[in-house]
Amino acid sequence: MHDSQWSSREKKIAHRVFEAALQQEFAETMTTFKAMAARAENPDDMWAVERWLTRKRLGIDSKYGFRYSQLLSVFGNLLREGRITRQQIEGLAEDKRSCVERIATF
């Protein structure tokens, strides 16, 4: 499945789904960050926020790679996490959707 060809329609769908999930995760991260920062009362709290934010950034960076050769795996992981839905990937070829759903079950 890594050698799949992507039609221009599928590419548009993929970009839209990918960006929506990424922006939602950024928004959730920002909300949590602001709450943690607001509760910080001393330098130890501040550094704890910094460590959390660094781990979060590394996790997001590793999760959201937009390469067509890896995108089905990315979507499968996002589907498993509940960050995307099956409805959002409608319009992709059946073999691509099936691959995403298989990956989501791992």
PDB file of N, CA and C in Angstrom:
ATOM      1  N   MET A   1       0.811  -1.197   0.000  1.00  0.00           N
ATOM      2  CA  MET A   1       0.000   0.000   0.000  1.00  0.00           C
ATOM      3  C   MET A   1       0.856   1.262   0.000  1.00  0.00           C
ATOM      4  N   HIS A   2       2.128   1.138   0.330  1.00  0.00           N
ATOM      5  CA  HIS A   2       2.980   2.317   0.373  1.00  0.00           C
ATOM      6  C   HIS A   2       3.231   2.901  -1.008  1.00  0.00           C
ATOM      7  N   ASP A   3       3.022   2.103  -2.060  1.00  0.00           N
ATOM      8  CA  ASP A   3       3.260   2.570  -3.424  1.00  0.00           C
ATOM      9  C   ASP A   3       1.984   3.072  -4.089  1.00  0.00           C
ATOM     10  N   SER A   4       0.930   3.268  -3.333  1.00  0.00           N
ATOM     11  CA  SER A   4      -0.334   3.715  -3.890  1.00  0.00           C
ATOM     12  C   SER A   4      -0.196   5.061  -4.573  1.00  0.00           C
ATOM     13  N   GLN A   5      -0.943   5.196  -5.624  1.00  0.00           N
ATOM     14  CA  GLN A   5      -1.037   6.481  -6.305  1.00  0.00           C
ATOM     15  C   GLN A   5      -2.207   7.250  -5.700  1.00  0.00           C
ATOM     16  N   TRP A   6      -2.042   8.532  -5.580  1.00  0.00           N
ATOM     17  CA  TRP A   6      -3.071   9.397  -5.007  1.00  0.00           C
ATOM     18  C   TRP A   6      -3.601  10.307  -6.092  1.00  0.00           C
ATOM     19  N   SER A   7      -4.910  10.257  -6.313  1.00  0.00           N
ATOM     20  CA  SER A   7      -5.523  11.171  -7.280  1.00  0.00           C
ATOM     21  C   SER A   7      -5.527  12.580  -6.690  1.00  0.00           C
ATOM     22  N   SER A   8      -5.743  13.566  -7.529  1.00  0.00           N
ATOM     23  CA  SER A   8      -5.773  14.937  -7.008  1.00  0.00           C
ATOM     24  C   SER A   8      -6.922  15.109  -6.025  1.00  0.00           C
ATOM     25  N   ARG A   9      -8.037  14.438  -6.255  1.00  0.00           N
ATOM     26  CA  ARG A   9      -9.170  14.495  -5.317  1.00  0.00           C
ATOM     27  C   ARG A   9      -8.778  13.889  -3.972  1.00  0.00           C
ATOM     28  N   GLU A  10      -8.111  12.729  -4.010  1.00  0.00           N
ATOM     29  CA  GLU A  10      -7.661  12.082  -2.774  1.00  0.00           C
ATOM     30  C   GLU A  10      -6.637  12.939  -2.038  1.00  0.00           C
ATOM     31  N   LYS A  11      -5.770  13.591  -2.783  1.00  0.00           N
ATOM     32  CA  LYS A  11      -4.784  14.461  -2.153  1.00  0.00           C
ATOM     33  C   LYS A  11      -5.456  15.611  -1.411  1.00  0.00           C
ATOM     34  N   LYS A  12      -6.487  16.177  -2.002  1.00  0.00           N
ATOM     35  CA  LYS A  12      -7.222  17.268  -1.344  1.00  0.00           C
ATOM     36  C   LYS A  12      -7.892  16.780  -0.066  1.00  0.00           C
ATOM     37  N   ILE A  13      -8.507  15.606  -0.142  1.00  0.00           N
ATOM     38  CA  ILE A  13      -9.144  15.014   1.040  1.00  0.00           C
ATOM     39  C   ILE A  13      -8.091  14.759   2.116  1.00  0.00           C
ATOM     40  N   ALA A  14      -6.983  14.173   1.711  1.00  0.00           N
ATOM     41  CA  ALA A  14      -5.917  13.842   2.666  1.00  0.00           C
ATOM     42  C   ALA A  14      -5.381  15.094   3.354  1.00  0.00           C
ATOM     43  N   HIS A  15      -5.145  16.130   2.591  1.00  0.00           N
ATOM     44  CA  HIS A  15      -4.652  17.383   3.193  1.00  0.00           C
ATOM     45  C   HIS A  15      -5.663  17.954   4.177  1.00  0.00           C
ATOM     46  N   ARG A  16      -6.918  17.950   3.788  1.00  0.00           N
ATOM     47  CA  ARG A  16      -7.969  18.495   4.653  1.00  0.00           C
ATOM     48  C   ARG A  16      -8.081  17.704   5.962  1.00  0.00           C
ATOM     49  N   VAL A  17      -8.095  16.385   5.863  1.00  0.00           N
ATOM     50  CA  VAL A  17      -8.203  15.526   7.052  1.00  0.00           C
ATOM     51  C   VAL A  17      -6.978  15.686   7.939  1.00  0.00           C
ATOM     52  N   PHE A  18      -5.800  15.664   7.337  1.00  0.00           N
ATOM     53  CA  PHE A  18      -4.547  15.789   8.070  1.00  0.00           C
ATOM     54  C   PHE A  18      -4.497  17.127   8.808  1.00  0.00           C
ATOM     55  N   GLU A  19      -4.758  18.210   8.116  1.00  0.00           N
ATOM     56  CA  GLU A  19      -4.689  19.541   8.727  1.00  0.00           C
ATOM     57  C   GLU A  19      -5.717  19.715   9.836  1.00  0.00           C
ATOM     58  N   ALA A  20      -6.910  19.182   9.632  1.00  0.00           N
ATOM     59  CA  ALA A  20      -7.947  19.295  10.670  1.00  0.00           C
ATOM     60  C   ALA A  20      -7.514  18.582  11.947  1.00  0.00           C
ATOM     61  N   ALA A  21      -6.961  17.384  11.800  1.00  0.00           N
ATOM     62  CA  ALA A  21      -6.509  16.633  12.980  1.00  0.00           C
ATOM     63  C   ALA A  21      -5.347  17.341  13.661  1.00  0.00           C
ATOM     64  N   LEU A  22      -4.405  17.825  12.871  1.00  0.00           N
ATOM     65  CA  LEU A  22      -3.242  18.510  13.426  1.00  0.00           C
ATOM     66  C   LEU A  22      -3.663  19.787  14.159  1.00  0.00           C
ATOM     67  N   GLN A  23      -4.513  20.580  13.538  1.00  0.00           N
ATOM     68  CA  GLN A  23      -4.947  21.825  14.168  1.00  0.00           C
ATOM     69  C   GLN A  23      -5.747  21.561  15.438  1.00  0.00           C
ATOM     70  N   GLN A  24      -6.547  20.495  15.448  1.00  0.00           N
ATOM     71  CA  GLN A  24      -7.303  20.139  16.654  1.00  0.00           C
ATOM     72  C   GLN A  24      -6.349  19.735  17.781  1.00  0.00           C
ATOM     73  N   GLU A  25      -5.321  18.971  17.433  1.00  0.00           N
ATOM     74  CA  GLU A  25      -4.359  18.574  18.468  1.00  0.00           C
ATOM     75  C   GLU A  25      -3.579  19.787  18.974  1.00  0.00           C
ATOM     76  N   PHE A  26      -3.231  20.698  18.079  1.00  0.00           N
ATOM     77  CA  PHE A  26      -2.587  21.942  18.513  1.00  0.00           C
ATOM     78  C   PHE A  26      -3.488  22.723  19.462  1.00  0.00           C
ATOM     79  N   ALA A  27      -4.765  22.823  19.131  1.00  0.00           N
ATOM     80  CA  ALA A  27      -5.700  23.571  19.977  1.00  0.00           C
ATOM     81  C   ALA A  27      -5.820  22.935  21.358  1.00  0.00           C
ATOM     82  N   GLU A  28      -5.918  21.610  21.401  1.00  0.00           N
ATOM     83  CA  GLU A  28      -5.994  20.912  22.683  1.00  0.00           C
ATOM     84  C   GLU A  28      -4.717  21.118  23.493  1.00  0.00           C
ATOM     85  N   THR A  29      -3.588  21.055  22.810  1.00  0.00           N
ATOM     86  CA  THR A  29      -2.301  21.252  23.479  1.00  0.00           C
ATOM     87  C   THR A  29      -2.201  22.670  24.029  1.00  0.00           C
ATOM     88  N   MET A  30      -2.623  23.645  23.259  1.00  0.00           N
ATOM     89  CA  MET A  30      -2.571  25.036  23.701  1.00  0.00           C
ATOM     90  C   MET A  30      -3.458  25.258  24.922  1.00  0.00           C
ATOM     91  N   THR A  31      -4.635  24.676  24.917  1.00  0.00           N
ATOM     92  CA  THR A  31      -5.544  24.814  26.056  1.00  0.00           C
ATOM     93  C   THR A  31      -4.920  24.227  27.320  1.00  0.00           C
ATOM     94  N   THR A  32      -4.374  23.026  27.195  1.00  0.00           N
ATOM     95  CA  THR A  32      -3.732  22.383  28.347  1.00  0.00           C
ATOM     96  C   THR A  32      -2.520  23.179  28.810  1.00  0.00           C
ATOM     97  N   PHE A  33      -1.712  23.641  27.862  1.00  0.00           N
ATOM     98  CA  PHE A  33      -0.534  24.433  28.191  1.00  0.00           C
ATOM     99  C   PHE A  33      -0.913  25.693  28.971  1.00  0.00           C
ATOM    100  N   LYS A  34      -1.912  26.401  28.498  1.00  0.00           N
ATOM    101  CA  LYS A  34      -2.324  27.631  29.173  1.00  0.00           C
ATOM    102  C   LYS A  34      -2.796  27.352  30.595  1.00  0.00           C
ATOM    103  N   ALA A  35      -3.539  26.272  30.761  1.00  0.00           N
ATOM    104  CA  ALA A  35      -4.019  25.918  32.108  1.00  0.00           C
ATOM    105  C   ALA A  35      -2.847  25.566  33.018  1.00  0.00           C
ATOM    106  N   MET A  36      -1.904  24.792  32.508  1.00  0.00           N
ATOM    107  CA  MET A  36      -0.738  24.415  33.314  1.00  0.00           C
ATOM    108  C   MET A  36       0.099  25.641  33.670  1.00  0.00           C
ATOM    109  N   ALA A  37       0.295  26.517  32.698  1.00  0.00           N
ATOM    110  CA  ALA A  37       1.087  27.719  32.943  1.00  0.00           C
ATOM    111  C   ALA A  37       0.396  28.630  33.962  1.00  0.00           C
ATOM    112  N   ALA A  38      -0.909  28.713  33.886  1.00  0.00           N
ATOM    113  CA  ALA A  38      -1.643  29.559  34.822  1.00  0.00           C
ATOM    114  C   ALA A  38      -1.530  29.032  36.249  1.00  0.00           C
ATOM    115  N   ARG A  39      -1.405  27.724  36.406  1.00  0.00           N
ATOM    116  CA  ARG A  39      -1.293  27.118  37.740  1.00  0.00           C
ATOM    117  C   ARG A  39       0.136  27.127  38.280  1.00  0.00           C
ATOM    118  N   ALA A  40       1.098  27.409  37.413  1.00  0.00           N
ATOM    119  CA  ALA A  40       2.504  27.390  37.837  1.00  0.00           C
ATOM    120  C   ALA A  40       2.743  28.486  38.875  1.00  0.00           C
ATOM    121  N   GLU A  41       3.328  28.065  40.000  1.00  0.00           N
ATOM    122  CA  GLU A  41       3.561  29.011  41.089  1.00  0.00           C
ATOM    123  C   GLU A  41       5.026  29.183  41.430  1.00  0.00           C
ATOM    124  N   ASN A  42       5.874  28.308  40.910  1.00  0.00           N
ATOM    125  CA  ASN A  42       7.288  28.396  41.249  1.00  0.00           C
ATOM    126  C   ASN A  42       8.112  27.851  40.079  1.00  0.00           C
ATOM    127  N   PRO A  43       9.433  28.013  40.154  1.00  0.00           N
ATOM    128  CA  PRO A  43      10.271  27.543  39.039  1.00  0.00           C
ATOM    129  C   PRO A  43      10.117  26.052  38.728  1.00  0.00           C
ATOM    130  N   ASP A  44       9.935  25.224  39.745  1.00  0.00           N
ATOM    131  CA  ASP A  44       9.742  23.790  39.475  1.00  0.00           C
ATOM    132  C   ASP A  44       8.503  23.554  38.629  1.00  0.00           C
ATOM    133  N   ASP A  45       7.429  24.280  38.931  1.00  0.00           N
ATOM    134  CA  ASP A  45       6.202  24.171  38.125  1.00  0.00           C
ATOM    135  C   ASP A  45       6.461  24.618  36.689  1.00  0.00           C
ATOM    136  N   MET A  46       7.199  25.709  36.558  1.00  0.00           N
ATOM    137  CA  MET A  46       7.509  26.240  35.229  1.00  0.00           C
ATOM    138  C   MET A  46       8.279  25.215  34.405  1.00  0.00           C
ATOM    139  N   TRP A  47       9.284  24.587  35.009  1.00  0.00           N
ATOM    140  CA  TRP A  47      10.080  23.613  34.272  1.00  0.00           C
ATOM    141  C   TRP A  47       9.276  22.353  33.981  1.00  0.00           C
ATOM    142  N   ALA A  48       8.352  22.016  34.840  1.00  0.00           N
ATOM    143  CA  ALA A  48       7.475  20.866  34.568  1.00  0.00           C
ATOM    144  C   ALA A  48       6.622  21.137  33.331  1.00  0.00           C
ATOM    145  N   VAL A  49       6.140  22.357  33.215  1.00  0.00           N
ATOM    146  CA  VAL A  49       5.364  22.741  32.027  1.00  0.00           C
ATOM    147  C   VAL A  49       6.250  22.646  30.786  1.00  0.00           C
ATOM    148  N   GLU A  50       7.474  23.122  30.916  1.00  0.00           N
ATOM    149  CA  GLU A  50       8.397  23.076  29.778  1.00  0.00           C
ATOM    150  C   GLU A  50       8.683  21.636  29.363  1.00  0.00           C
ATOM    151  N   ARG A  51       8.890  20.748  30.323  1.00  0.00           N
ATOM    152  CA  ARG A  51       9.145  19.332  29.997  1.00  0.00           C
ATOM    153  C   ARG A  51       7.927  18.706  29.321  1.00  0.00           C
ATOM    154  N   TRP A  52       6.737  18.989  29.847  1.00  0.00           N
ATOM    155  CA  TRP A  52       5.512  18.462  29.251  1.00  0.00           C
ATOM    156  C   TRP A  52       5.363  18.955  27.812  1.00  0.00           C
ATOM    157  N   LEU A  53       5.602  20.250  27.615  1.00  0.00           N
ATOM    158  CA  LEU A  53       5.453  20.842  26.291  1.00  0.00           C
ATOM    159  C   LEU A  53       6.469  20.246  25.305  1.00  0.00           C
ATOM    160  N   THR A  54       7.676  20.004  25.750  1.00  0.00           N
ATOM    161  CA  THR A  54       8.687  19.393  24.893  1.00  0.00           C
ATOM    162  C   THR A  54       8.275  17.978  24.495  1.00  0.00           C
ATOM    163  N   ARG A  55       7.816  17.189  25.462  1.00  0.00           N
ATOM    164  CA  ARG A  55       7.350  15.820  25.148  1.00  0.00           C
ATOM    165  C   ARG A  55       6.183  15.870  24.174  1.00  0.00           C
ATOM    166  N   LYS A  56       5.276  16.798  24.391  1.00  0.00           N
ATOM    167  CA  LYS A  56       4.101  16.928  23.520  1.00  0.00           C
ATOM    168  C   LYS A  56       4.533  17.288  22.096  1.00  0.00           C
ATOM    169  N   ARG A  57       5.459  18.229  21.968  1.00  0.00           N
ATOM    170  CA  ARG A  57       5.942  18.632  20.644  1.00  0.00           C
ATOM    171  C   ARG A  57       6.590  17.456  19.925  1.00  0.00           C
ATOM    172  N   LEU A  58       7.433  16.713  20.635  1.00  0.00           N
ATOM    173  CA  LEU A  58       8.085  15.561  20.021  1.00  0.00           C
ATOM    174  C   LEU A  58       7.063  14.513  19.587  1.00  0.00           C
ATOM    175  N   GLY A  59       6.036  14.300  20.406  1.00  0.00           N
ATOM    176  CA  GLY A  59       4.988  13.354  20.049  1.00  0.00           C
ATOM    177  C   GLY A  59       4.209  13.789  18.824  1.00  0.00           C
ATOM    178  N   ILE A  60       3.875  15.057  18.773  1.00  0.00           N
ATOM    179  CA  ILE A  60       3.149  15.582  17.610  1.00  0.00           C
ATOM    180  C   ILE A  60       4.020  15.506  16.368  1.00  0.00           C
ATOM    181  N   ASP A  61       5.275  15.902  16.496  1.00  0.00           N
ATOM    182  CA  ASP A  61       6.185  15.843  15.344  1.00  0.00           C
ATOM    183  C   ASP A  61       6.321  14.430  14.795  1.00  0.00           C
ATOM    184  N   SER A  62       6.363  13.443  15.684  1.00  0.00           N
ATOM    185  CA  SER A  62       6.523  12.062  15.204  1.00  0.00           C
ATOM    186  C   SER A  62       5.223  11.493  14.652  1.00  0.00           C
ATOM    187  N   LYS A  63       4.097  11.988  15.128  1.00  0.00           N
ATOM    188  CA  LYS A  63       2.796  11.468  14.698  1.00  0.00           C
ATOM    189  C   LYS A  63       2.332  12.044  13.368  1.00  0.00           C
ATOM    190  N   TYR A  64       2.636  13.310  13.126  1.00  0.00           N
ATOM    191  CA  TYR A  64       2.073  14.005  11.976  1.00  0.00           C
ATOM    192  C   TYR A  64       3.095  14.244  10.874  1.00  0.00           C
ATOM    193  N   GLY A  65       3.508  13.184  10.213  1.00  0.00           N
ATOM    194  CA  GLY A  65       4.369  13.324   9.052  1.00  0.00           C
ATOM    195  C   GLY A  65       3.523  13.217   7.796  1.00  0.00           C
ATOM    196  N   PHE A  66       3.542  14.246   6.963  1.00  0.00           N
ATOM    197  CA  PHE A  66       2.732  14.201   5.745  1.00  0.00           C
ATOM    198  C   PHE A  66       3.594  13.787   4.569  1.00  0.00           C
ATOM    199  N   ARG A  67       3.703  12.478   4.407  1.00  0.00           N
ATOM    200  CA  ARG A  67       4.331  11.885   3.227  1.00  0.00           C
ATOM    201  C   ARG A  67       3.336  10.854   2.722  1.00  0.00           C
ATOM    202  N   TYR A  68       3.027  10.928   1.445  1.00  0.00           N
ATOM    203  CA  TYR A  68       2.022  10.007   0.919  1.00  0.00           C
ATOM    204  C   TYR A  68       2.384   8.559   1.175  1.00  0.00           C
ATOM    205  N   SER A  69       3.680   8.230   1.179  1.00  0.00           N
ATOM    206  CA  SER A  69       4.099   6.847   1.417  1.00  0.00           C
ATOM    207  C   SER A  69       3.773   6.385   2.835  1.00  0.00           C
ATOM    208  N   GLN A  70       3.573   7.306   3.761  1.00  0.00           N
ATOM    209  CA  GLN A  70       3.281   6.967   5.155  1.00  0.00           C
ATOM    210  C   GLN A  70       1.892   7.392   5.605  1.00  0.00           C
ATOM    211  N   LEU A  71       1.170   8.077   4.753  1.00  0.00           N
ATOM    212  CA  LEU A  71      -0.075   8.715   5.168  1.00  0.00           C
ATOM    213  C   LEU A  71      -1.152   7.730   5.610  1.00  0.00           C
ATOM    214  N   LEU A  72      -1.205   6.567   5.014  1.00  0.00           N
ATOM    215  CA  LEU A  72      -2.216   5.595   5.431  1.00  0.00           C
ATOM    216  C   LEU A  72      -1.948   5.123   6.856  1.00  0.00           C
ATOM    217  N   SER A  73      -0.684   4.960   7.203  1.00  0.00           N
ATOM    218  CA  SER A  73      -0.337   4.610   8.582  1.00  0.00           C
ATOM    219  C   SER A  73      -0.689   5.750   9.528  1.00  0.00           C
ATOM    220  N   VAL A  74      -0.383   6.972   9.123  1.00  0.00           N
ATOM    221  CA  VAL A  74      -0.727   8.134   9.940  1.00  0.00           C
ATOM    222  C   VAL A  74      -2.238   8.175  10.171  1.00  0.00           C
ATOM    223  N   PHE A  75      -3.003   8.005   9.105  1.00  0.00           N
ATOM    224  CA  PHE A  75      -4.461   8.033   9.238  1.00  0.00           C
ATOM    225  C   PHE A  75      -4.966   6.880  10.087  1.00  0.00           C
ATOM    226  N   GLY A  76      -4.361   5.711   9.940  1.00  0.00           N
ATOM    227  CA  GLY A  76      -4.761   4.577  10.771  1.00  0.00           C
ATOM    228  C   GLY A  76      -4.558   4.865  12.246  1.00  0.00           C
ATOM    229  N   ASN A  77      -3.423   5.442  12.584  1.00  0.00           N
ATOM    230  CA  ASN A  77      -3.155   5.802  13.976  1.00  0.00           C
ATOM    231  C   ASN A  77      -4.111   6.884  14.464  1.00  0.00           C
ATOM    232  N   LEU A  78      -4.383   7.866  13.628  1.00  0.00           N
ATOM    233  CA  LEU A  78      -5.302   8.934  14.021  1.00  0.00           C
ATOM    234  C   LEU A  78      -6.728   8.403  14.188  1.00  0.00           C
ATOM    235  N   LEU A  79      -7.119   7.460  13.344  1.00  0.00           N
ATOM    236  CA  LEU A  79      -8.440   6.851  13.474  1.00  0.00           C
ATOM    237  C   LEU A  79      -8.527   6.067  14.779  1.00  0.00           C
ATOM    238  N   ARG A  80      -7.509   5.309  15.104  1.00  0.00           N
ATOM    239  CA  ARG A  80      -7.484   4.546  16.348  1.00  0.00           C
ATOM    240  C   ARG A  80      -7.583   5.480  17.558  1.00  0.00           C
ATOM    241  N   GLU A  81      -6.926   6.626  17.495  1.00  0.00           N
ATOM    242  CA  GLU A  81      -6.954   7.593  18.599  1.00  0.00           C
ATOM    243  C   GLU A  81      -8.258   8.396  18.653  1.00  0.00           C
ATOM    244  N   GLY A  82      -9.073   8.270  17.632  1.00  0.00           N
ATOM    245  CA  GLY A  82     -10.310   9.047  17.590  1.00  0.00           C
ATOM    246  C   GLY A  82     -10.108  10.475  17.098  1.00  0.00           C
ATOM    247  N   ARG A  83      -8.973  10.753  16.494  1.00  0.00           N
ATOM    248  CA  ARG A  83      -8.680  12.101  16.003  1.00  0.00           C
ATOM    249  C   ARG A  83      -9.267  12.354  14.622  1.00  0.00           C
ATOM    250  N   ILE A  84      -9.549  11.285  13.879  1.00  0.00           N
ATOM    251  CA  ILE A  84     -10.284  11.393  12.630  1.00  0.00           C
ATOM    252  C   ILE A  84     -11.389  10.342  12.651  1.00  0.00           C
ATOM    253  N   THR A  85     -12.332  10.483  11.734  1.00  0.00           N
ATOM    254  CA  THR A  85     -13.438   9.533  11.632  1.00  0.00           C
ATOM    255  C   THR A  85     -13.416   8.844  10.272  1.00  0.00           C
ATOM    256  N   ARG A  86     -14.126   7.760  10.175  1.00  0.00           N
ATOM    257  CA  ARG A  86     -14.255   7.069   8.884  1.00  0.00           C
ATOM    258  C   ARG A  86     -14.913   7.971   7.846  1.00  0.00           C
ATOM    259  N   GLN A  87     -15.844   8.792   8.289  1.00  0.00           N
ATOM    260  CA  GLN A  87     -16.524   9.699   7.370  1.00  0.00           C
ATOM    261  C   GLN A  87     -15.551  10.698   6.741  1.00  0.00           C
ATOM    262  N   GLN A  88     -14.555  11.111   7.489  1.00  0.00           N
ATOM    263  CA  GLN A  88     -13.602  12.086   6.963  1.00  0.00           C
ATOM    264  C   GLN A  88     -12.750  11.526   5.840  1.00  0.00           C
ATOM    265  N   ILE A  89     -12.540  10.222   5.827  1.00  0.00           N
ATOM    266  CA  ILE A  89     -11.704   9.645   4.769  1.00  0.00           C
ATOM    267  C   ILE A  89     -12.531   9.073   3.622  1.00  0.00           C
ATOM    268  N   GLU A  90     -13.849   9.280   3.672  1.00  0.00           N
ATOM    269  CA  GLU A  90     -14.661   8.899   2.518  1.00  0.00           C
ATOM    270  C   GLU A  90     -14.188   9.726   1.333  1.00  0.00           C
ATOM    271  N   GLY A  91     -14.142   9.107   0.190  1.00  0.00           N
ATOM    272  CA  GLY A  91     -13.605   9.766  -0.993  1.00  0.00           C
ATOM    273  C   GLY A  91     -12.228   9.238  -1.355  1.00  0.00           C
ATOM    274  N   LEU A  92     -11.559   8.614  -0.367  1.00  0.00           N
ATOM    275  CA  LEU A  92     -10.327   7.905  -0.698  1.00  0.00           C
ATOM    276  C   LEU A  92     -10.725   6.577  -1.332  1.00  0.00           C
ATOM    277  N   ALA A  93      -9.856   6.016  -2.129  1.00  0.00           N
ATOM    278  CA  ALA A  93     -10.124   4.723  -2.759  1.00  0.00           C
ATOM    279  C   ALA A  93     -10.395   3.673  -1.685  1.00  0.00           C
ATOM    280  N   GLU A  94     -11.215   2.697  -2.035  1.00  0.00           N
ATOM    281  CA  GLU A  94     -11.599   1.652  -1.085  1.00  0.00           C
ATOM    282  C   GLU A  94     -10.380   0.945  -0.499  1.00  0.00           C
ATOM    283  N   ASP A  95      -9.368   0.658  -1.324  1.00  0.00           N
ATOM    284  CA  ASP A  95      -8.188  -0.035  -0.797  1.00  0.00           C
ATOM    285  C   ASP A  95      -7.448   0.823   0.229  1.00  0.00           C
ATOM    286  N   LYS A  96      -7.446   2.119   0.045  1.00  0.00           N
ATOM    287  CA  LYS A  96      -6.806   3.013   1.015  1.00  0.00           C
ATOM    288  C   LYS A  96      -7.600   3.050   2.319  1.00  0.00           C
ATOM    289  N   ARG A  97      -8.911   3.179   2.207  1.00  0.00           N
ATOM    290  CA  ARG A  97      -9.752   3.193   3.417  1.00  0.00           C
ATOM    291  C   ARG A  97      -9.623   1.874   4.167  1.00  0.00           C
ATOM    292  N   SER A  98      -9.602   0.758   3.452  1.00  0.00           N
ATOM    293  CA  SER A  98      -9.450  -0.542   4.103  1.00  0.00           C
ATOM    294  C   SER A  98      -8.119  -0.648   4.835  1.00  0.00           C
ATOM    295  N   CYS A  99      -7.067  -0.133   4.194  1.00  0.00           N
ATOM    296  CA  CYS A  99      -5.747  -0.155   4.831  1.00  0.00           C
ATOM    297  C   CYS A  99      -5.749   0.685   6.096  1.00  0.00           C
ATOM    298  N   VAL A 100      -6.334   1.871   6.046  1.00  0.00           N
ATOM    299  CA  VAL A 100      -6.425   2.742   7.228  1.00  0.00           C
ATOM    300  C   VAL A 100      -7.166   2.026   8.344  1.00  0.00           C
ATOM    301  N   GLU A 101      -8.267   1.389   8.013  1.00  0.00           N
ATOM    302  CA  GLU A 101      -9.059   0.699   9.044  1.00  0.00           C
ATOM    303  C   GLU A 101      -8.317  -0.492   9.624  1.00  0.00           C
ATOM    304  N   ARG A 102      -7.566  -1.218   8.797  1.00  0.00           N
ATOM    305  CA  ARG A 102      -6.758  -2.329   9.318  1.00  0.00           C
ATOM    306  C   ARG A 102      -5.707  -1.823  10.292  1.00  0.00           C
ATOM    307  N   ILE A 103      -5.032  -0.766   9.919  1.00  0.00           N
ATOM    308  CA  ILE A 103      -3.993  -0.181  10.774  1.00  0.00           C
ATOM    309  C   ILE A 103      -4.614   0.296  12.087  1.00  0.00           C
ATOM    310  N   ALA A 104      -5.809   0.845  12.009  1.00  0.00           N
ATOM    311  CA  ALA A 104      -6.481   1.358  13.210  1.00  0.00           C
ATOM    312  C   ALA A 104      -6.780   0.250  14.218  1.00  0.00           C
ATOM    313  N   THR A 105      -6.851  -0.977  13.763  1.00  0.00           N
ATOM    314  CA  THR A 105      -7.166  -2.070  14.676  1.00  0.00           C
ATOM    315  C   THR A 105      -5.942  -2.640  15.388  1.00  0.00           C
ATOM    316  N   PHE A 106      -4.748  -2.242  14.974  1.00  0.00           N
ATOM    317  CA  PHE A 106      -3.522  -2.752  15.621  1.00  0.00           C
ATOM    318  C   PHE A 106      -3.439  -2.312  17.048  1.00  0.00           C
TER     319      PHE A 106
END
